[in-house]
C-alpha cells in the first residue's frame, strides 16, 4: 500500500501553519505522515511533532515513513478530540500549532477490506479505530427506520433518505458493502441514479460519519485545540463536505466574536473576549491543477485561525 501520496492542499496547509524551528506541533490526523514529514523538516532542530490517529495501521505506516525523525516524533493512538488529556499525559502545557485533515483517508478508502468504499466488496465496518465497538454493520442492521432516515438525510444530505432507510430495513440482514450498495441503488429511482455522484456515495458518507461520530466531536475539539494553543499559534483544518466546513466556520466565528450581548446593546457587558482571529477570510480550495491530478480534492476546503 502506498502511503506516499501528497495530502490535499499540502503546500497551502504547510504555509498557513507557519511553523518554526523549536515549535511543538500537533498533527491530529497523522494518517500516512504526508503533512508530518514537511512539518518535521521545518521544526527541527529542537521541535516536537505529536502525531495522533485513531487508526493503528496508519500510525504504524507513519512510524515507518518517519523513522529518521523518531527522536522528534511522538505517535499517539487516540482521537484528536482528546487533545487536552493527551497533552496533559505528555506534560505539555501549550502547543505552537495544530492541523486536522478531516474525513476518511485515502489509505482507508483504498484498503477495501475496511468497508469504507462502495467500489469494493467487504464486510460492513467503516471504523477509523478498529478497536471501537460500533461498526457500520451495527448501524445498518440495528438502527430503526426513523433513525436511519435522520442520519442519511442529515449527514449524507440525501434527498432519498426515507426511501433508502425503508429499503435497508426491508432487506436486512445486510452484511457487505456490495449488498448495501445494491439496496441503495434499488431504492433510488432510475432517473435520479443517472444524475450526480455514485448513488451510494451520500449514504456511505452518512453511515461513516455516524460510526465515527465525526461531527459530534468537531466543535469541542476545535475549542480544546485553541485552549492549548500559545499566543500566535495557528490551527489549520481541512474539511471535505459542507457539514464539516459549516461547523469549522461557525466555531471559528464564535471564538473570534464570543460576545453574547444583544446586538443593540450600547456596550459589551458579557465580558467574553475574542480568543482567535480568523486568518482565512474565505476557505482556501484546491487549484485546477491539483483537482485534475487528484479528483478526491474536489470538495476540500482549508480554514485557519490564529490564537490571540
Protein backbone atom coordinates (compact mmCIF):
# COMPACT_ATOMS: atom_id res chain seq x y z
CA UNK A 1 0.00 0.00 0.00
CA UNK A 2 1.41 3.39 -0.99
CA UNK A 3 1.27 5.89 1.83
CA UNK A 4 3.39 8.42 -0.04
CA UNK A 5 0.56 10.27 -1.76
CA UNK A 6 0.66 14.05 -1.30
CA UNK A 7 -2.15 15.20 1.01
CA UNK A 8 -4.81 17.56 -0.33
CA UNK A 9 -3.95 21.30 -0.15
CA UNK A 10 -0.49 20.27 1.03
CA UNK A 11 1.56 23.41 0.28
CA UNK A 12 -1.25 25.73 1.35
CA UNK A 13 -1.63 23.97 4.71
CA UNK A 14 2.11 23.96 5.49
CA UNK A 15 2.39 27.63 4.54
CA UNK A 16 -0.66 28.58 6.62
CA UNK A 17 0.61 26.63 9.67
CA UNK A 18 3.80 28.75 9.55
CA UNK A 19 5.78 26.56 11.94
CA UNK A 20 9.34 27.41 13.02
CA UNK A 21 12.37 25.53 14.41
CA UNK A 22 11.73 24.50 18.02
CA UNK A 23 7.93 24.52 17.74
CA UNK A 24 5.65 21.91 19.31
CA UNK A 25 3.08 20.99 16.64
CA UNK A 26 0.18 18.52 16.76
CA UNK A 27 -0.98 16.60 13.70
CA UNK A 28 -4.41 15.46 14.82
CA UNK A 29 -4.84 13.12 11.84
CA UNK A 30 -1.38 11.68 11.23
CA UNK A 31 -2.52 9.27 8.51
CA UNK A 32 0.38 8.22 6.30
CA UNK A 33 2.56 11.07 7.55
CA UNK A 34 2.48 13.35 4.49
CA UNK A 35 1.93 16.60 6.37
CA UNK A 36 4.04 15.33 9.27
CA UNK A 37 7.22 14.96 7.24
CA UNK A 38 7.01 18.53 5.94
CA UNK A 39 6.29 19.84 9.45
CA UNK A 40 9.21 17.92 10.98
CA UNK A 41 11.60 19.35 8.41
CA UNK A 42 10.52 22.86 9.44
CA UNK A 43 10.51 22.48 13.24
CA UNK A 44 13.95 20.88 13.52
CA UNK A 45 16.23 21.38 15.30
CA UNK A 46 14.58 21.37 18.70
CA UNK A 47 10.96 20.89 17.69
CA UNK A 48 8.49 18.12 18.50
CA UNK A 49 5.62 16.73 16.45
CA UNK A 50 2.81 14.90 18.24
CA UNK A 51 1.04 12.70 15.70
CA UNK A 52 -2.41 11.44 16.69
CA UNK A 53 -4.53 8.94 14.77
CA UNK A 54 -7.46 6.67 15.52
CA UNK A 55 -6.17 4.07 13.08
CA UNK A 56 -3.32 1.86 14.38
CA UNK A 57 -2.46 0.75 10.82
CA UNK A 58 -1.98 4.37 9.77
CA UNK A 59 0.19 5.05 12.85
CA UNK A 60 2.42 2.10 12.03
CA UNK A 61 2.80 3.24 8.42
CA UNK A 62 3.64 6.78 9.57
CA UNK A 63 6.26 5.48 12.01
CA UNK A 64 7.95 3.59 9.17
CA UNK A 65 7.86 6.58 6.87
CA UNK A 66 9.14 8.99 9.54
CA UNK A 67 11.67 6.68 11.22
CA UNK A 68 14.59 9.07 10.68
CA UNK A 69 12.73 11.69 12.77
CA UNK A 70 11.90 9.31 15.63
CA UNK A 71 13.67 11.45 18.26
CA UNK A 72 11.35 14.37 17.44
CA UNK A 73 8.12 12.42 16.85
CA UNK A 74 5.58 11.19 19.39
CA UNK A 75 2.80 8.99 17.99
CA UNK A 76 -0.46 8.51 19.89
CA UNK A 77 -3.32 6.08 19.19
CA UNK A 78 -6.26 8.24 20.20
CA UNK A 79 -8.86 10.71 18.94
CA UNK A 80 -7.79 14.33 18.38
CA UNK A 81 -10.90 15.37 20.33
CA UNK A 82 -8.96 14.26 23.43
CA UNK A 83 -6.15 16.76 22.76
CA UNK A 84 -6.24 18.29 26.25
CA UNK A 85 -5.89 14.95 28.06
CA UNK A 86 -3.24 13.76 25.56
CA UNK A 87 -1.10 16.84 26.18
CA UNK A 88 -1.70 16.53 29.92
CA UNK A 89 -0.35 12.97 29.91
CA UNK A 90 2.70 14.15 27.96
CA UNK A 91 3.28 17.01 30.41
CA UNK A 92 2.95 19.62 27.65
CA UNK A 93 1.35 22.90 28.73
CA UNK A 94 0.83 24.53 25.33
CA UNK A 95 1.47 23.98 21.61
CA UNK A 96 2.56 26.23 18.74
CA UNK A 97 0.16 24.87 16.13
CA UNK A 98 -2.13 22.04 15.06
CA UNK A 99 -3.59 20.60 11.88
CA UNK A 100 -6.67 18.42 11.36
CA UNK A 101 -7.23 16.76 7.98
CA UNK A 102 -10.81 15.56 8.44
CA UNK A 103 -12.79 12.73 6.90
CA UNK A 104 -11.67 9.35 5.65
CA UNK A 105 -8.07 8.98 4.46
CA UNK A 106 -7.01 7.73 1.02
CA UNK A 107 -5.43 4.76 2.76
CA UNK A 108 -8.71 3.79 4.41
CA UNK A 109 -10.65 4.20 1.15
CA UNK A 110 -8.11 2.25 -0.87
CA UNK A 111 -7.89 -0.62 1.61
CA UNK A 112 -11.12 -2.28 0.52
CA UNK A 113 -11.31 -4.66 3.47
CA UNK A 114 -12.07 -1.74 5.82
CA UNK A 115 -15.53 -1.32 4.27
CA UNK A 116 -15.35 2.43 3.62
CA UNK A 117 -15.77 2.21 -0.15
CA UNK A 118 -18.81 1.32 -2.22
CA UNK A 119 -16.42 0.42 -5.05
CA UNK A 120 -15.11 -2.80 -3.48
CA UNK A 121 -16.85 -5.62 -1.64
CA UNK A 122 -16.03 -6.03 2.05
CA UNK A 123 -17.69 -6.61 5.41
CA UNK A 124 -19.60 -3.53 6.62
CA UNK A 125 -17.14 -1.92 9.03
CA UNK A 126 -16.12 1.76 8.42
CA UNK A 127 -14.45 2.14 11.83
CA UNK A 128 -11.49 4.52 11.74
CA UNK A 129 -10.44 2.91 15.02
CA UNK A 130 -10.93 -0.87 14.63
CA UNK A 131 -10.87 -1.26 18.43
CA UNK A 132 -14.09 0.73 18.96
CA UNK A 133 -17.43 -1.03 19.39
CA UNK A 134 -19.91 0.50 16.92
CA UNK A 135 -19.48 -0.51 13.26
CA UNK A 136 -21.37 0.15 10.02
CA UNK A 137 -22.88 -3.34 10.36
CA UNK A 138 -24.48 -2.27 13.65
CA UNK A 139 -25.87 0.96 12.17
CA UNK A 140 -27.28 -0.74 9.06
CA UNK A 141 -28.77 -3.74 10.82
CA UNK A 142 -29.81 -2.42 14.25
CA UNK A 143 -30.95 1.20 13.83
CA UNK A 144 -34.68 1.65 13.28
CA UNK A 145 -36.04 3.15 10.06
CA UNK A 146 -36.66 6.59 11.54
CA UNK A 147 -33.12 6.87 12.93
CA UNK A 148 -31.59 5.68 9.65
CA UNK A 149 -33.64 8.25 7.75
CA UNK A 150 -32.42 11.05 10.00
CA UNK A 151 -28.75 10.04 9.69
CA UNK A 152 -28.84 9.59 5.91
CA UNK A 153 -30.70 12.86 5.45
CA UNK A 154 -28.65 14.92 7.91
CA UNK A 155 -25.14 13.51 7.40
CA UNK A 156 -25.47 12.48 3.77
CA UNK A 157 -27.73 15.35 2.63
CA UNK A 158 -29.51 12.64 0.60
CA UNK A 159 -32.95 13.55 -0.79
CA UNK A 160 -33.99 9.88 -0.99
CA UNK A 161 -33.08 9.20 2.67
CA UNK A 162 -36.50 7.92 3.78
CA UNK A 163 -36.79 5.54 0.83
CA UNK A 164 -33.23 4.25 1.31
CA UNK A 165 -33.83 3.68 5.02
CA UNK A 166 -37.02 1.69 4.26
CA UNK A 167 -35.21 -0.46 1.70
CA UNK A 168 -32.38 -1.12 4.17
CA UNK A 169 -34.80 -2.23 6.90
CA UNK A 170 -36.78 -4.39 4.42
CA UNK A 171 -33.62 -6.14 3.16
CA UNK A 172 -31.89 -6.99 6.43
CA UNK A 173 -29.57 -8.63 7.24
CA UNK A 174 -27.07 -6.69 5.12
CA UNK A 175 -23.51 -7.86 5.73
CA UNK A 176 -21.31 -6.42 2.95
CA UNK A 177 -20.66 -3.13 1.18
CA UNK A 178 -21.79 -4.68 -2.11
CA UNK A 179 -25.14 -5.75 -0.62
CA UNK A 180 -25.67 -2.28 0.83
CA UNK A 181 -24.77 -0.61 -2.48
CA UNK A 182 -27.31 -2.76 -4.34
CA UNK A 183 -30.04 -1.93 -1.80
CA UNK A 184 -29.31 1.80 -2.14
CA UNK A 185 -29.38 1.58 -5.94
CA UNK A 186 -32.73 -0.22 -5.81
CA UNK A 187 -34.15 2.48 -3.52
CA UNK A 188 -33.23 5.43 -5.75
CA UNK A 189 -35.37 5.87 -8.89
CA UNK A 190 -33.52 5.15 -12.13
CA UNK A 191 -33.71 8.73 -13.39
CA UNK A 192 -32.15 10.08 -10.17
CA UNK A 193 -29.43 7.42 -10.28
CA UNK A 194 -28.25 8.73 -13.63
CA UNK A 195 -27.60 12.21 -12.21
CA UNK A 196 -24.86 13.41 -9.89
CA UNK A 197 -22.34 11.26 -8.00
CA UNK A 198 -22.47 7.50 -7.41
CA UNK A 199 -25.90 6.70 -5.88
CA UNK A 200 -24.31 5.14 -2.77
CA UNK A 201 -21.87 7.98 -2.06
CA UNK A 202 -24.05 10.08 0.25
CA UNK A 203 -25.41 7.14 2.25
CA UNK A 204 -21.94 5.64 2.76
CA UNK A 205 -20.72 9.07 3.91
CA UNK A 206 -23.61 9.37 6.35
CA UNK A 207 -23.07 5.92 7.87
CA UNK A 208 -19.31 6.55 8.19
CA UNK A 209 -19.91 9.86 9.98
CA UNK A 210 -22.33 8.17 12.38
CA UNK A 211 -19.98 5.24 13.08
CA UNK A 212 -17.04 7.53 13.87
CA UNK A 213 -19.06 10.39 15.48
CA UNK A 214 -17.10 12.75 13.23
CA UNK A 215 -19.36 15.81 13.53
CA UNK A 216 -20.24 15.37 17.21
CA UNK A 217 -16.63 15.79 18.32
CA UNK A 218 -15.59 18.61 16.00
CA UNK A 219 -16.69 21.80 17.78
CA UNK A 220 -15.32 20.62 21.13
CA UNK A 221 -12.06 19.52 19.50
CA UNK A 222 -11.56 22.97 17.95
CA UNK A 223 -12.22 24.69 21.28
CA UNK A 224 -9.82 22.31 23.07
CA UNK A 225 -7.09 22.89 20.48
CA UNK A 226 -7.43 26.68 20.77
CA UNK A 227 -7.38 26.36 24.57
CA UNK A 228 -3.99 24.62 24.42
CA UNK A 229 -2.50 26.98 21.82
CA UNK A 230 0.20 29.53 22.61
CA UNK A 231 -0.40 33.12 21.58
CA UNK A 232 0.31 33.37 17.84
CA UNK A 233 -0.20 29.63 17.31
CA UNK A 234 -2.26 28.51 14.35
CA UNK A 235 -4.95 25.87 13.86
CA UNK A 236 -5.43 24.64 10.27
CA UNK A 237 -8.40 22.43 9.37
CA UNK A 238 -9.11 20.72 6.04
CA UNK A 239 -12.73 19.67 5.50
CA UNK A 240 -14.30 17.60 2.73
CA UNK A 241 -18.01 18.29 2.93
CA UNK A 242 -20.33 21.13 3.76
CA UNK A 243 -21.38 19.87 7.20
CA UNK A 244 -17.79 19.75 8.50
CA UNK A 245 -16.97 23.09 6.90
CA UNK A 246 -20.02 24.75 8.45
CA UNK A 247 -19.04 23.58 11.94
CA UNK A 248 -15.45 24.83 11.48
CA UNK A 249 -16.64 28.17 10.06
CA UNK A 250 -19.21 28.76 12.82
CA UNK A 251 -16.88 27.66 15.64
CA UNK A 252 -14.12 29.97 14.38
CA UNK A 253 -16.66 32.84 14.20
CA UNK A 254 -17.82 32.15 17.76
CA UNK A 255 -14.24 32.10 19.08
CA UNK A 256 -13.38 35.31 17.21
CA UNK A 257 -16.51 37.10 18.42
CA UNK A 258 -17.81 35.39 21.58
CA UNK A 259 -19.86 38.38 22.77
CA UNK A 260 -23.35 37.28 23.85
CA UNK A 261 -24.77 40.77 24.42
CA UNK A 262 -27.89 41.82 22.44
CA UNK A 263 -26.96 43.39 19.08
CA UNK A 264 -28.49 46.72 20.16
CA UNK A 265 -26.61 46.89 23.49
CA UNK A 266 -24.60 50.15 23.68
CA UNK A 267 -21.59 48.45 25.32
CA UNK A 268 -20.47 44.87 25.92
CA UNK A 269 -21.27 43.69 29.43
CA UNK A 270 -20.83 39.91 28.98
CA UNK A 271 -17.04 40.20 29.27
CA UNK A 272 -16.31 37.47 26.72
CA UNK A 273 -13.01 38.25 24.98
CA UNK A 274 -12.01 37.08 21.48
CA UNK A 275 -9.70 34.06 21.59
CA UNK A 276 -8.65 33.94 17.93
CA UNK A 277 -8.50 35.86 14.71
CA UNK A 278 -9.57 34.08 11.53
CA UNK A 279 -6.65 34.02 9.08
CA UNK A 280 -8.55 32.74 6.04
CA UNK A 281 -11.25 35.28 5.09
CA UNK A 282 -12.60 32.68 2.66
CA UNK A 283 -11.70 28.98 2.67
CA UNK A 284 -8.72 28.01 0.52
CA UNK A 285 -9.70 25.49 -2.17
CA UNK A 286 -7.59 23.29 -4.49
CA UNK A 287 -6.20 24.72 -7.70
CA UNK A 288 -7.45 23.41 -11.03
CA UNK A 289 -4.13 21.60 -11.41
CA UNK A 290 -4.49 19.83 -8.06
CA UNK A 291 -8.06 18.83 -8.86
CA UNK A 292 -7.04 17.40 -12.25
CA UNK A 293 -4.22 15.42 -10.60
CA UNK A 294 -6.31 14.30 -7.61
CA UNK A 295 -10.11 14.25 -8.15
CA UNK A 296 -10.60 13.43 -4.44
CA UNK A 297 -9.57 17.01 -3.68
CA UNK A 298 -12.74 18.33 -5.34
CA UNK A 299 -14.61 19.37 -2.19
CA UNK A 300 -11.63 20.17 0.08
CA UNK A 301 -11.55 23.47 1.97
CA UNK A 302 -8.84 24.82 4.26
CA UNK A 303 -9.63 27.26 7.07
CA UNK A 304 -7.11 28.61 9.58
CA UNK A 305 -7.19 30.71 12.73
CA UNK A 306 -4.54 32.24 14.99
CA UNK A 307 -4.61 32.39 18.79
CA UNK A 308 -4.59 35.94 20.15
